Amino acid sequence: MSQSEYLINSQDSLDDMGLEQGPAVISRWVTFTVAEERYALNVLDVQEVLRAAEITPIPGAHPAVRGIINLRGNVVTILDARVFFSLPEKPFDDDSRIMVAELRSGEVAGIVVDSVAEVIALDEAVVNAAKRSGGDEGSAHILGVVPQTEKGSDKLIILVDLKGLSELGEK
């Protein structure tokens, strides 16, 4: 048997066993913290991270809407991640950031978080498996949860779905 025939036969047997090997597809996620929990947004959805801005409150808005800001001539709605995730409120401090992101509706909004940590790379297979693990109605804004080992300790990162954020105006 020639080497090319062996490679073809080997690949066929791998396919038959469901062990087809292909290149890993990596997606990048911006991690942030809210109340000591780690969350992540897809890096393609995040436009920028702001240290602080003057937020103008909007009377009668959804409780998770902190207000609006003027970002280089554009009005941007600012959401409070703590209220959105049903966590106790916390005043803006030196570590707090506003993550400006594009929502599924195409609108741009800012999300106030306790801190922004880093950009991580996740294998798309891990992300897809995490997406299938969730599903109850109360977690509509959560894509899934992925484990992350960091300096000998296991942590969980909650992947956030921006679709849930864009539906705030409809509630």
C-alpha atoms as a PDB file:
ATOM      1  CA  MET A   1       0.000   0.000   0.000  1.00  0.00           C
ATOM      2  CA  SER A   2       1.412   3.384  -0.992  1.00  0.00           C
ATOM      3  CA  GLN A   3       1.642   6.250   1.487  1.00  0.00           C
ATOM      4  CA  SER A   4      -1.166   8.216  -0.243  1.00  0.00           C
ATOM      5  CA  GLU A   5      -3.456   5.123  -0.162  1.00  0.00           C
ATOM      6  CA  TYR A   6      -2.668   4.681   3.548  1.00  0.00           C
ATOM      7  CA  LEU A   7      -3.511   8.331   4.278  1.00  0.00           C
ATOM      8  CA  ILE A   8      -6.788   8.072   2.358  1.00  0.00           C
ATOM      9  CA  ASN A   9      -7.733   4.810   4.147  1.00  0.00           C
ATOM     10  CA  SER A  10      -6.738   6.282   7.532  1.00  0.00           C
ATOM     11  CA  GLN A  11      -8.885   9.377   6.945  1.00  0.00           C
ATOM     12  CA  ASP A  12     -11.826   7.174   5.905  1.00  0.00           C
ATOM     13  CA  SER A  13     -11.526   5.156   9.130  1.00  0.00           C
ATOM     14  CA  LEU A  14     -11.333   8.355  11.203  1.00  0.00           C
ATOM     15  CA  ASP A  15     -14.472   9.628   9.472  1.00  0.00           C
ATOM     16  CA  ASP A  16     -16.231   6.285  10.127  1.00  0.00           C
ATOM     17  CA  MET A  17     -15.436   6.603  13.852  1.00  0.00           C
ATOM     18  CA  GLY A  18     -16.694  10.196  14.003  1.00  0.00           C
ATOM     19  CA  LEU A  19     -13.181  11.420  14.722  1.00  0.00           C
ATOM     20  CA  GLU A  20     -12.633  13.624  11.707  1.00  0.00           C
ATOM     21  CA  GLN A  21      -9.886  16.075  12.537  1.00  0.00           C
ATOM     22  CA  GLY A  22     -10.219  19.592  11.188  1.00  0.00           C
ATOM     23  CA  PRO A  23      -8.692  22.921  12.026  1.00  0.00           C
ATOM     24  CA  ALA A  24     -10.032  24.466  15.233  1.00  0.00           C
ATOM     25  CA  VAL A  25     -12.140  27.576  14.722  1.00  0.00           C
ATOM     26  CA  ILE A  26     -11.346  30.175  17.366  1.00  0.00           C
ATOM     27  CA  SER A  27     -13.578  33.047  18.444  1.00  0.00           C
ATOM     28  CA  ARG A  28     -12.448  35.931  20.631  1.00  0.00           C
ATOM     29  CA  TRP A  29     -14.386  37.208  23.642  1.00  0.00           C
ATOM     30  CA  VAL A  30     -13.966  40.318  25.831  1.00  0.00           C
ATOM     31  CA  THR A  31     -14.254  39.286  29.474  1.00  0.00           C
ATOM     32  CA  PHE A  32     -15.644  41.569  32.149  1.00  0.00           C
ATOM     33  CA  THR A  33     -16.756  41.301  35.752  1.00  0.00           C
ATOM     34  CA  VAL A  34     -20.043  42.126  37.409  1.00  0.00           C
ATOM     35  CA  ALA A  35     -20.378  41.332  41.141  1.00  0.00           C
ATOM     36  CA  GLU A  36     -17.279  39.072  41.126  1.00  0.00           C
ATOM     37  CA  GLU A  37     -18.645  36.939  38.275  1.00  0.00           C
ATOM     38  CA  ARG A  38     -16.895  36.738  34.895  1.00  0.00           C
ATOM     39  CA  TYR A  39     -18.895  37.367  31.754  1.00  0.00           C
ATOM     40  CA  ALA A  40     -17.890  37.676  28.100  1.00  0.00           C
ATOM     41  CA  LEU A  41     -19.139  39.385  24.951  1.00  0.00           C
ATOM     42  CA  ASN A  42     -18.032  38.415  21.474  1.00  0.00           C
ATOM     43  CA  VAL A  43     -15.218  40.791  20.495  1.00  0.00           C
ATOM     44  CA  LEU A  44     -16.902  41.409  17.135  1.00  0.00           C
ATOM     45  CA  ASP A  45     -19.863  42.988  18.970  1.00  0.00           C
ATOM     46  CA  VAL A  46     -17.735  45.330  21.150  1.00  0.00           C
ATOM     47  CA  GLN A  47     -16.835  48.642  19.516  1.00  0.00           C
ATOM     48  CA  GLU A  48     -14.934  50.289  22.359  1.00  0.00           C
ATOM     49  CA  VAL A  49     -14.504  50.539  26.129  1.00  0.00           C
ATOM     50  CA  LEU A  50     -14.940  53.885  27.910  1.00  0.00           C
ATOM     51  CA  ARG A  51     -13.615  54.847  31.331  1.00  0.00           C
ATOM     52  CA  ALA A  52     -16.413  57.254  32.216  1.00  0.00           C
ATOM     53  CA  ALA A  53     -18.962  59.529  30.641  1.00  0.00           C
ATOM     54  CA  GLU A  54     -21.624  61.964  31.749  1.00  0.00           C
ATOM     55  CA  ILE A  55     -24.832  59.908  31.735  1.00  0.00           C
ATOM     56  CA  THR A  56     -28.130  61.782  31.334  1.00  0.00           C
ATOM     57  CA  PRO A  57     -31.008  59.887  33.008  1.00  0.00           C
ATOM     58  CA  ILE A  58     -34.180  59.132  31.027  1.00  0.00           C
ATOM     59  CA  PRO A  59     -37.378  59.427  33.118  1.00  0.00           C
ATOM     60  CA  GLY A  60     -39.694  56.425  32.778  1.00  0.00           C
ATOM     61  CA  ALA A  61     -37.095  54.201  31.115  1.00  0.00           C
ATOM     62  CA  HIS A  62     -36.625  50.498  31.895  1.00  0.00           C
ATOM     63  CA  PRO A  63     -34.815  50.096  35.262  1.00  0.00           C
ATOM     64  CA  ALA A  64     -31.728  48.642  33.512  1.00  0.00           C
ATOM     65  CA  VAL A  65     -31.383  51.815  31.391  1.00  0.00           C
ATOM     66  CA  ARG A  66     -29.088  54.219  33.255  1.00  0.00           C
ATOM     67  CA  GLY A  67     -29.542  56.926  30.656  1.00  0.00           C
ATOM     68  CA  ILE A  68     -27.903  58.228  27.489  1.00  0.00           C
ATOM     69  CA  ILE A  69     -24.541  59.717  26.553  1.00  0.00           C
ATOM     70  CA  ASN A  70     -23.245  61.762  23.646  1.00  0.00           C
ATOM     71  CA  LEU A  71     -20.510  59.715  22.010  1.00  0.00           C
ATOM     72  CA  ARG A  72     -18.870  61.795  19.281  1.00  0.00           C
ATOM     73  CA  GLY A  73     -22.221  63.229  18.192  1.00  0.00           C
ATOM     74  CA  ASN A  74     -24.178  59.972  18.511  1.00  0.00           C
ATOM     75  CA  VAL A  75     -26.733  59.371  21.256  1.00  0.00           C
ATOM     76  CA  VAL A  76     -25.958  56.043  22.945  1.00  0.00           C
ATOM     77  CA  THR A  77     -28.239  54.317  25.463  1.00  0.00           C
ATOM     78  CA  ILE A  78     -26.391  53.179  28.596  1.00  0.00           C
ATOM     79  CA  LEU A  79     -27.505  49.986  30.334  1.00  0.00           C
ATOM     80  CA  ASP A  80     -26.503  48.848  33.824  1.00  0.00           C
ATOM     81  CA  ALA A  81     -25.314  45.232  33.718  1.00  0.00           C
ATOM     82  CA  ARG A  82     -25.988  44.814  37.456  1.00  0.00           C
ATOM     83  CA  VAL A  83     -29.666  45.696  37.071  1.00  0.00           C
ATOM     84  CA  PHE A  84     -29.913  43.644  33.875  1.00  0.00           C
ATOM     85  CA  PHE A  85     -28.545  40.565  35.697  1.00  0.00           C
ATOM     86  CA  SER A  86     -30.752  41.267  38.778  1.00  0.00           C
ATOM     87  CA  LEU A  87     -27.778  42.074  41.013  1.00  0.00           C
ATOM     88  CA  PRO A  88     -27.481  44.810  43.675  1.00  0.00           C
ATOM     89  CA  GLU A  89     -26.562  48.253  42.340  1.00  0.00           C
ATOM     90  CA  LYS A  90     -23.060  49.663  42.785  1.00  0.00           C
ATOM     91  CA  PRO A  91     -21.856  53.215  42.234  1.00  0.00           C
ATOM     92  CA  PHE A  92     -19.494  53.937  39.332  1.00  0.00           C
ATOM     93  CA  ASP A  93     -15.850  53.667  40.540  1.00  0.00           C
ATOM     94  CA  ASP A  94     -12.303  53.769  39.087  1.00  0.00           C
ATOM     95  CA  ASP A  95     -12.558  50.203  37.759  1.00  0.00           C
ATOM     96  CA  SER A  96     -16.032  50.630  36.222  1.00  0.00           C
ATOM     97  CA  ARG A  97     -16.211  50.763  32.442  1.00  0.00           C
ATOM     98  CA  ILE A  98     -18.785  51.315  29.744  1.00  0.00           C
ATOM     99  CA  MET A  99     -18.546  48.695  27.017  1.00  0.00           C
ATOM    100  CA  VAL A 100     -19.971  50.134  23.805  1.00  0.00           C
ATOM    101  CA  ALA A 101     -21.388  47.304  21.740  1.00  0.00           C
ATOM    102  CA  GLU A 102     -23.568  46.719  18.731  1.00  0.00           C
ATOM    103  CA  LEU A 103     -26.823  44.976  19.612  1.00  0.00           C
ATOM    104  CA  ARG A 104     -28.475  42.366  17.410  1.00  0.00           C
ATOM    105  CA  SER A 105     -30.951  45.028  16.251  1.00  0.00           C
ATOM    106  CA  GLY A 106     -28.033  47.031  14.836  1.00  0.00           C
ATOM    107  CA  GLU A 107     -28.338  49.726  17.509  1.00  0.00           C
ATOM    108  CA  VAL A 108     -25.326  50.753  19.584  1.00  0.00           C
ATOM    109  CA  ALA A 109     -25.557  50.717  23.383  1.00  0.00           C
ATOM    110  CA  GLY A 110     -23.194  51.050  26.316  1.00  0.00           C
ATOM    111  CA  ILE A 111     -23.150  48.530  29.149  1.00  0.00           C
ATOM    112  CA  VAL A 112     -21.841  49.602  32.565  1.00  0.00           C
ATOM    113  CA  VAL A 113     -19.721  46.805  34.073  1.00  0.00           C
ATOM    114  CA  ASP A 114     -17.575  46.584  37.222  1.00  0.00           C
ATOM    115  CA  SER A 115     -14.366  46.053  35.220  1.00  0.00           C
ATOM    116  CA  VAL A 116     -13.093  44.830  31.859  1.00  0.00           C
ATOM    117  CA  ALA A 117     -10.509  42.081  32.141  1.00  0.00           C
ATOM    118  CA  GLU A 118      -9.059  40.749  28.892  1.00  0.00           C
ATOM    119  CA  VAL A 119      -9.688  39.290  25.458  1.00  0.00           C
ATOM    120  CA  ILE A 120      -9.690  35.495  25.445  1.00  0.00           C
ATOM    121  CA  ALA A 121      -9.748  32.963  22.620  1.00  0.00           C
ATOM    122  CA  LEU A 122     -12.242  30.124  22.808  1.00  0.00           C
ATOM    123  CA  ASP A 123     -12.536  27.133  20.515  1.00  0.00           C
ATOM    124  CA  GLU A 124     -15.839  27.487  18.651  1.00  0.00           C
ATOM    125  CA  ALA A 125     -16.693  23.874  19.551  1.00  0.00           C
ATOM    126  CA  VAL A 126     -16.551  24.811  23.253  1.00  0.00           C
ATOM    127  CA  VAL A 127     -18.728  27.877  22.612  1.00  0.00           C
ATOM    128  CA  ASN A 128     -21.280  25.817  20.656  1.00  0.00           C
ATOM    129  CA  ALA A 129     -21.393  23.171  23.404  1.00  0.00           C
ATOM    130  CA  ALA A 130     -21.964  25.928  25.972  1.00  0.00           C
ATOM    131  CA  LYS A 131     -24.813  27.335  23.867  1.00  0.00           C
ATOM    132  CA  ARG A 132     -26.587  23.995  23.960  1.00  0.00           C
ATOM    133  CA  SER A 133     -26.278  23.686  27.764  1.00  0.00           C
ATOM    134  CA  GLY A 134     -28.593  26.598  28.621  1.00  0.00           C
ATOM    135  CA  GLY A 135     -32.157  27.127  27.639  1.00  0.00           C
ATOM    136  CA  ASP A 136     -34.584  28.126  30.364  1.00  0.00           C
ATOM    137  CA  GLU A 137     -36.611  31.296  29.873  1.00  0.00           C
ATOM    138  CA  GLY A 138     -34.925  33.091  32.792  1.00  0.00           C
ATOM    139  CA  SER A 139     -31.559  32.918  31.065  1.00  0.00           C
ATOM    140  CA  ALA A 140     -32.622  34.346  27.696  1.00  0.00           C
ATOM    141  CA  HIS A 141     -29.639  36.740  27.699  1.00  0.00           C
ATOM    142  CA  ILE A 142     -27.109  33.979  28.457  1.00  0.00           C
ATOM    143  CA  LEU A 143     -25.600  32.024  25.555  1.00  0.00           C
ATOM    144  CA  GLY A 144     -23.933  29.513  27.849  1.00  0.00           C
ATOM    145  CA  VAL A 145     -21.187  28.935  30.372  1.00  0.00           C
ATOM    146  CA  VAL A 146     -17.635  27.819  29.597  1.00  0.00           C
ATOM    147  CA  PRO A 147     -15.012  26.599  32.072  1.00  0.00           C
ATOM    148  CA  GLN A 148     -11.710  28.464  32.198  1.00  0.00           C
ATOM    149  CA  THR A 149      -8.682  27.236  34.131  1.00  0.00           C
ATOM    150  CA  GLU A 150      -6.601  30.108  35.439  1.00  0.00           C
ATOM    151  CA  LYS A 151      -3.537  29.780  37.691  1.00  0.00           C
ATOM    152  CA  GLY A 152      -4.629  26.442  39.104  1.00  0.00           C
ATOM    153  CA  SER A 153      -8.230  27.438  39.844  1.00  0.00           C
ATOM    154  CA  ASP A 154     -11.277  26.677  37.772  1.00  0.00           C
ATOM    155  CA  LYS A 155     -13.533  29.589  36.879  1.00  0.00           C
ATOM    156  CA  LEU A 156     -16.687  29.859  34.847  1.00  0.00           C
ATOM    157  CA  ILE A 157     -17.232  32.476  32.169  1.00  0.00           C
ATOM    158  CA  ILE A 158     -20.819  33.344  31.293  1.00  0.00           C
ATOM    159  CA  LEU A 159     -21.249  34.116  27.586  1.00  0.00           C
ATOM    160  CA  VAL A 160     -23.736  36.961  27.141  1.00  0.00           C
ATOM    161  CA  ASP A 161     -26.190  37.206  24.251  1.00  0.00           C
ATOM    162  CA  LEU A 162     -26.724  40.803  23.154  1.00  0.00           C
ATOM    163  CA  LYS A 163     -30.130  39.901  21.711  1.00  0.00           C
ATOM    164  CA  GLY A 164     -31.561  40.033  25.223  1.00  0.00           C
ATOM    165  CA  LEU A 165     -30.162  43.516  25.707  1.00  0.00           C
ATOM    166  CA  SER A 166     -31.823  44.832  22.550  1.00  0.00           C
ATOM    167  CA  GLU A 167     -35.220  43.638  23.767  1.00  0.00           C
ATOM    168  CA  LEU A 168     -35.205  45.949  26.819  1.00  0.00           C
ATOM    169  CA  GLY A 169     -37.090  48.652  24.971  1.00  0.00           C
ATOM    170  CA  GLU A 170     -39.905  46.206  24.223  1.00  0.00           C
ATOM    171  CA  LYS A 171     -40.568  45.366  27.915  1.00  0.00           C
END
